[in-house]
Protein backbone atom coordinates (compact mmCIF):
# COMPACT_ATOMS: atom_id res chain seq x y z
CA UNK A 1 -12.22 37.07 -40.11
CA UNK A 2 -13.58 38.22 -36.77
CA UNK A 3 -11.02 36.77 -34.46
CA UNK A 4 -12.95 37.70 -31.34
CA UNK A 5 -16.00 35.91 -32.76
CA UNK A 6 -13.87 33.00 -33.86
CA UNK A 7 -12.36 32.94 -30.48
CA UNK A 8 -15.68 31.61 -29.80
CA UNK A 9 -13.72 29.25 -31.57
CA UNK A 10 -10.44 29.89 -29.93
CA UNK A 11 -8.49 32.07 -32.30
CA UNK A 12 -6.06 33.90 -30.21
CA UNK A 13 -2.68 35.41 -30.41
CA UNK A 14 -0.05 37.88 -29.79
CA UNK A 15 2.27 39.18 -32.47
CA UNK A 16 6.01 39.75 -32.57
CA UNK A 17 6.55 43.19 -34.06
CA UNK A 18 9.16 43.99 -36.66
CA UNK A 19 11.07 46.07 -34.11
CA UNK A 20 10.97 43.35 -31.46
CA UNK A 21 7.95 44.75 -29.63
CA UNK A 22 4.81 42.76 -28.94
CA UNK A 23 1.81 44.19 -30.76
CA UNK A 24 -0.51 42.51 -28.25
CA UNK A 25 0.83 44.57 -25.34
CA UNK A 26 -1.38 47.47 -26.39
CA UNK A 27 -4.57 45.39 -26.44
CA UNK A 28 -3.87 42.92 -23.63
CA UNK A 29 -7.06 43.76 -21.70
CA UNK A 30 -9.24 43.47 -24.80
CA UNK A 31 -7.63 40.20 -25.78
CA UNK A 32 -7.69 38.51 -22.38
CA UNK A 33 -11.32 39.49 -21.85
CA UNK A 34 -12.34 37.81 -25.10
CA UNK A 35 -10.63 34.45 -24.58
CA UNK A 36 -11.47 32.64 -21.36
CA UNK A 37 -10.19 29.41 -19.86
CA UNK A 38 -12.99 27.12 -21.03
CA UNK A 39 -11.54 24.93 -23.78
CA UNK A 40 -14.57 23.88 -25.80
CA UNK A 41 -14.00 25.45 -29.21
CA UNK A 42 -13.39 23.06 -32.14
CA UNK A 43 -9.84 24.16 -32.96
CA UNK A 44 -8.50 24.02 -29.41
CA UNK A 45 -10.28 20.74 -28.71
CA UNK A 46 -8.69 19.20 -31.79
CA UNK A 47 -5.26 20.56 -30.90
CA UNK A 48 -5.45 18.91 -27.49
CA UNK A 49 -6.75 15.70 -29.07
CA UNK A 50 -3.78 15.52 -31.43
CA UNK A 51 -1.41 16.24 -28.56
CA UNK A 52 -2.79 13.26 -26.64
CA UNK A 53 -2.37 12.48 -22.93
CA UNK A 54 0.02 14.89 -21.24
CA UNK A 55 0.07 13.71 -17.61
CA UNK A 56 3.66 13.64 -16.41
CA UNK A 57 5.03 15.01 -19.70
CA UNK A 58 7.14 18.14 -20.11
CA UNK A 59 5.29 20.54 -22.42
CA UNK A 60 6.37 23.92 -23.77
CA UNK A 61 3.84 26.39 -25.12
CA UNK A 62 5.22 29.10 -27.39
CA UNK A 63 3.23 32.31 -27.96
CA UNK A 64 1.21 31.43 -24.87
CA UNK A 65 -0.52 34.79 -24.44
CA UNK A 66 -2.32 35.05 -21.12
CA UNK A 67 -1.92 31.30 -20.53
CA UNK A 68 -5.28 29.89 -21.56
CA UNK A 69 -3.92 26.67 -23.11
CA UNK A 70 -1.01 26.40 -20.68
CA UNK A 71 -3.40 26.26 -17.74
CA UNK A 72 -5.47 23.55 -19.40
CA UNK A 73 -2.33 21.51 -20.05
CA UNK A 74 -1.34 21.85 -16.40
CA UNK A 75 -4.82 20.84 -15.27
CA UNK A 76 -4.33 17.69 -17.35
CA UNK A 77 -1.15 16.86 -15.47
CA UNK A 78 1.57 18.29 -17.73
CA UNK A 79 4.67 20.02 -16.41
CA UNK A 80 4.40 23.26 -18.35
CA UNK A 81 6.73 26.04 -19.38
CA UNK A 82 5.10 28.81 -21.42
CA UNK A 83 6.66 31.77 -23.21
CA UNK A 84 5.43 34.92 -24.90
CA UNK A 85 6.91 38.23 -26.06
CA UNK A 86 4.03 40.35 -24.76
CA UNK A 87 4.90 41.46 -21.24
CA UNK A 88 1.33 42.53 -20.52
CA UNK A 89 -0.04 39.10 -21.40
CA UNK A 90 2.64 37.28 -19.41
CA UNK A 91 1.73 39.48 -16.43
CA UNK A 92 -1.87 38.33 -16.74
CA UNK A 93 -0.77 34.70 -16.98
CA UNK A 94 1.39 35.05 -13.89
CA UNK A 95 -1.45 36.72 -12.01
CA UNK A 96 -3.72 33.79 -12.84
CA UNK A 97 -1.02 31.36 -11.67
CA UNK A 98 -0.67 33.27 -8.42
CA UNK A 99 -4.43 33.24 -7.85
CA UNK A 100 -4.81 29.51 -8.60
CA UNK A 101 -1.41 27.78 -8.72
CA UNK A 102 -1.01 25.04 -11.31
CA UNK A 103 2.77 24.96 -11.44
CA UNK A 104 3.11 26.68 -14.82
CA UNK A 105 6.40 28.51 -15.34
CA UNK A 106 5.95 31.58 -17.52
CA UNK A 107 8.76 33.25 -19.45
CA UNK A 108 8.70 36.72 -20.96
CA UNK A 109 10.78 35.85 -24.00
CA UNK A 110 11.06 36.10 -27.77
CA UNK A 111 10.87 32.45 -28.83
CA UNK A 112 12.45 33.30 -32.19
CA UNK A 113 15.70 34.14 -30.35
CA UNK A 114 17.99 31.08 -30.08
CA UNK A 115 18.95 32.15 -26.55
CA UNK A 116 15.37 32.43 -25.30
CA UNK A 117 14.99 28.76 -24.34
CA UNK A 118 18.63 27.96 -23.74
CA UNK A 119 19.35 25.86 -20.67
CA UNK A 120 15.90 24.29 -20.42
CA UNK A 121 15.67 20.47 -20.35
CA UNK A 122 14.25 18.84 -23.48
CA UNK A 123 10.48 18.75 -23.81
CA UNK A 124 8.20 15.88 -24.78
CA UNK A 125 5.92 18.26 -26.68
CA UNK A 126 5.76 21.84 -27.91
CA UNK A 127 2.40 23.50 -28.51
CA UNK A 128 1.53 26.65 -30.42
CA UNK A 129 -2.12 27.66 -30.49
CA UNK A 130 -2.77 30.23 -33.24
CA UNK A 131 0.63 31.84 -32.80
CA UNK A 132 2.68 31.08 -35.91
CA UNK A 133 0.82 33.46 -38.20
CA UNK A 134 1.37 36.20 -35.63
CA UNK A 135 5.13 35.61 -35.49
CA UNK A 136 7.15 37.49 -38.07
CA UNK A 137 10.13 35.13 -37.93
CA UNK A 138 8.54 31.76 -38.70
CA UNK A 139 11.88 30.07 -39.31
CA UNK A 140 13.23 31.22 -35.96
CA UNK A 141 10.16 30.06 -34.05
CA UNK A 142 10.08 26.63 -35.70
CA UNK A 143 13.84 26.19 -35.33
CA UNK A 144 13.66 26.86 -31.60
CA UNK A 145 10.57 24.68 -31.15
CA UNK A 146 12.39 21.80 -32.81
CA UNK A 147 15.54 22.39 -30.77
CA UNK A 148 13.49 22.31 -27.55
CA UNK A 149 12.07 18.84 -28.32
CA UNK A 150 13.58 15.50 -27.43
CA UNK A 151 14.00 13.08 -30.37
CA UNK A 152 10.59 11.65 -31.17
CA UNK A 153 8.82 14.51 -29.41
CA UNK A 154 5.81 16.19 -31.00
CA UNK A 155 5.02 19.71 -32.14
CA UNK A 156 1.31 20.51 -32.36
CA UNK A 157 0.00 23.80 -33.72
CA UNK A 158 -3.26 25.39 -34.80
CA UNK A 159 -3.71 28.11 -37.41
CA UNK A 160 -6.30 30.07 -39.22
CA UNK A 161 -6.30 27.90 -42.33
CA UNK A 162 -3.83 29.35 -44.87
CA UNK A 163 -6.39 28.61 -47.62
CA UNK A 164 -9.31 30.38 -45.90
CA UNK A 165 -10.54 33.12 -48.28
CA UNK A 166 -12.98 34.77 -45.85
CA UNK A 167 -16.47 35.93 -46.71
CA UNK A 168 -18.74 39.00 -46.54
CA UNK A 169 -17.39 41.16 -43.72
CA UNK A 170 -14.97 38.41 -42.69
CA UNK A 171 -11.30 38.78 -43.58
CA UNK A 172 -9.55 35.67 -44.85
CA UNK A 173 -5.93 34.62 -44.49
CA UNK A 174 -4.64 37.10 -47.07
CA UNK A 175 -5.64 40.65 -48.09
CA UNK A 176 -8.90 40.90 -50.03
CA UNK A 177 -7.13 42.71 -52.88
CA UNK A 178 -4.32 40.16 -52.95
CA UNK A 179 -3.71 36.55 -53.88
CA UNK A 180 -3.20 33.37 -51.86
CA UNK A 181 0.39 33.24 -53.08
CA UNK A 182 1.18 36.74 -51.77
CA UNK A 183 2.97 36.15 -48.48
CA UNK A 184 3.65 38.77 -45.85
CA UNK A 185 2.27 40.73 -42.94
CA UNK A 186 -1.00 42.57 -43.41
CA UNK A 187 -3.79 44.15 -41.39
CA UNK A 188 -7.36 42.89 -41.81
CA UNK A 189 -10.05 45.26 -43.06
CA UNK A 190 -13.16 43.11 -42.62
CA UNK A 191 -15.78 44.89 -40.52
CA UNK A 192 -16.06 41.83 -38.28
CA UNK A 193 -12.30 41.37 -37.89
CA UNK A 194 -11.98 43.34 -34.67
CA UNK A 195 -8.76 41.76 -33.38
CA UNK A 196 -6.84 41.46 -36.62
CA UNK A 197 -7.64 45.05 -37.55
CA UNK A 198 -5.58 45.93 -34.49
CA UNK A 199 -2.63 43.54 -34.69
CA UNK A 200 -2.59 42.16 -38.23
CA UNK A 201 -1.19 38.75 -39.16
CA UNK A 202 1.36 37.07 -41.41
CA UNK A 203 0.01 35.14 -44.36
CA UNK A 204 2.01 32.16 -45.59
CA UNK A 205 1.05 29.38 -47.96
CA UNK A 206 0.52 25.87 -46.71
CA UNK A 207 3.63 24.83 -48.61
CA UNK A 208 5.70 27.39 -46.70
CA UNK A 209 4.49 26.08 -43.35
CA UNK A 210 5.09 22.43 -44.20
CA UNK A 211 8.45 23.18 -45.82
CA UNK A 212 9.64 25.15 -42.79
CA UNK A 213 8.61 22.37 -40.42
CA UNK A 214 10.35 19.75 -42.52
CA UNK A 215 13.51 21.83 -42.84
CA UNK A 216 13.86 21.73 -39.06
CA UNK A 217 13.21 18.02 -38.74
CA UNK A 218 9.51 18.22 -37.88
CA UNK A 219 7.56 15.77 -40.04
CA UNK A 220 3.81 16.20 -40.36
CA UNK A 221 2.16 13.16 -38.79
CA UNK A 222 -1.51 14.19 -38.86
CA UNK A 223 -3.62 17.06 -40.15
CA UNK A 224 -7.09 18.15 -39.05
CA UNK A 225 -9.45 20.80 -40.42
CA UNK A 226 -12.03 21.24 -37.63
CA UNK A 227 -15.25 22.98 -38.55
CA UNK A 228 -16.04 26.25 -36.76
CA UNK A 229 -18.64 26.32 -34.02
CA UNK A 230 -22.21 25.96 -35.39
CA UNK A 231 -23.29 29.39 -34.17
CA UNK A 232 -20.30 31.02 -35.91
CA UNK A 233 -21.07 29.15 -39.13
CA UNK A 234 -24.76 30.03 -38.97
CA UNK A 235 -23.94 33.74 -38.86
CA UNK A 236 -21.36 33.46 -41.64
CA UNK A 237 -22.62 30.78 -44.04
CA UNK A 238 -20.52 31.97 -46.99
CA UNK A 239 -17.28 31.93 -44.99
CA UNK A 240 -18.15 28.59 -43.38
CA UNK A 241 -18.21 26.91 -46.81
CA UNK A 242 -14.40 26.92 -46.72
CA UNK A 243 -11.83 25.39 -44.35
CA UNK A 244 -11.43 27.84 -41.46
CA UNK A 245 -8.93 26.11 -39.16
CA UNK A 246 -5.90 23.90 -39.62
CA UNK A 247 -4.33 21.79 -36.85
CA UNK A 248 -1.07 19.90 -37.42
CA UNK A 249 0.86 17.35 -35.40
CA UNK A 250 4.51 16.87 -36.28
CA UNK A 251 7.08 14.39 -34.96
CA UNK A 252 10.71 15.37 -34.46
CA UNK A 253 12.80 13.22 -36.75
CA UNK A 254 15.30 11.19 -34.75
């Protein structure tokens, strides 16, 4: 899938490398240039809808990239902390905060590390916009997200739909020569998949995502499958026949 095109639709992300390095550091300029601050794509709009009003609430964004969603949360009145492993993207986020202060606190941190968020007060909500499939250690990220939440707090995330098979020239959620049940990291080969050819992604089944959330006390409260933007769908009618995005809201079990 062409993640820069779908960023039209908001697909974004940085990836935690196997050796602890951020794959997005090498393409930070390319990535930040393709995903601006206007939040009008279907997936991001739905993510914010499921999150609900945030004024006065403490919100953590994990895998925040260059701070696109974090800044929107702050504009809506949230008290925001945002973390990402990619130093180059955090530098861009901090530069944006310096240029137009919104009160966002950015952390250069590996959110799969139990020590990364230690000492922070509990959050009312944790958000992850298209970051889980780019994080190698899903269990670590979900464990820390759950630990950061107060009882009854919510975790809201968006993903390229695990069941999306792709289409002509558009890579799906798993390798074209593979099977939906084949989990693991892979690099896209679709001619329109400009971002994911560079950084790859982790494919996991829907059952793996839901099971991991539940194992850490995060119970799925609502699911949404927003349609891609009409112009994206018009250029890729075969791919648009299938679910492209998945947004989930989970509640921390008290």
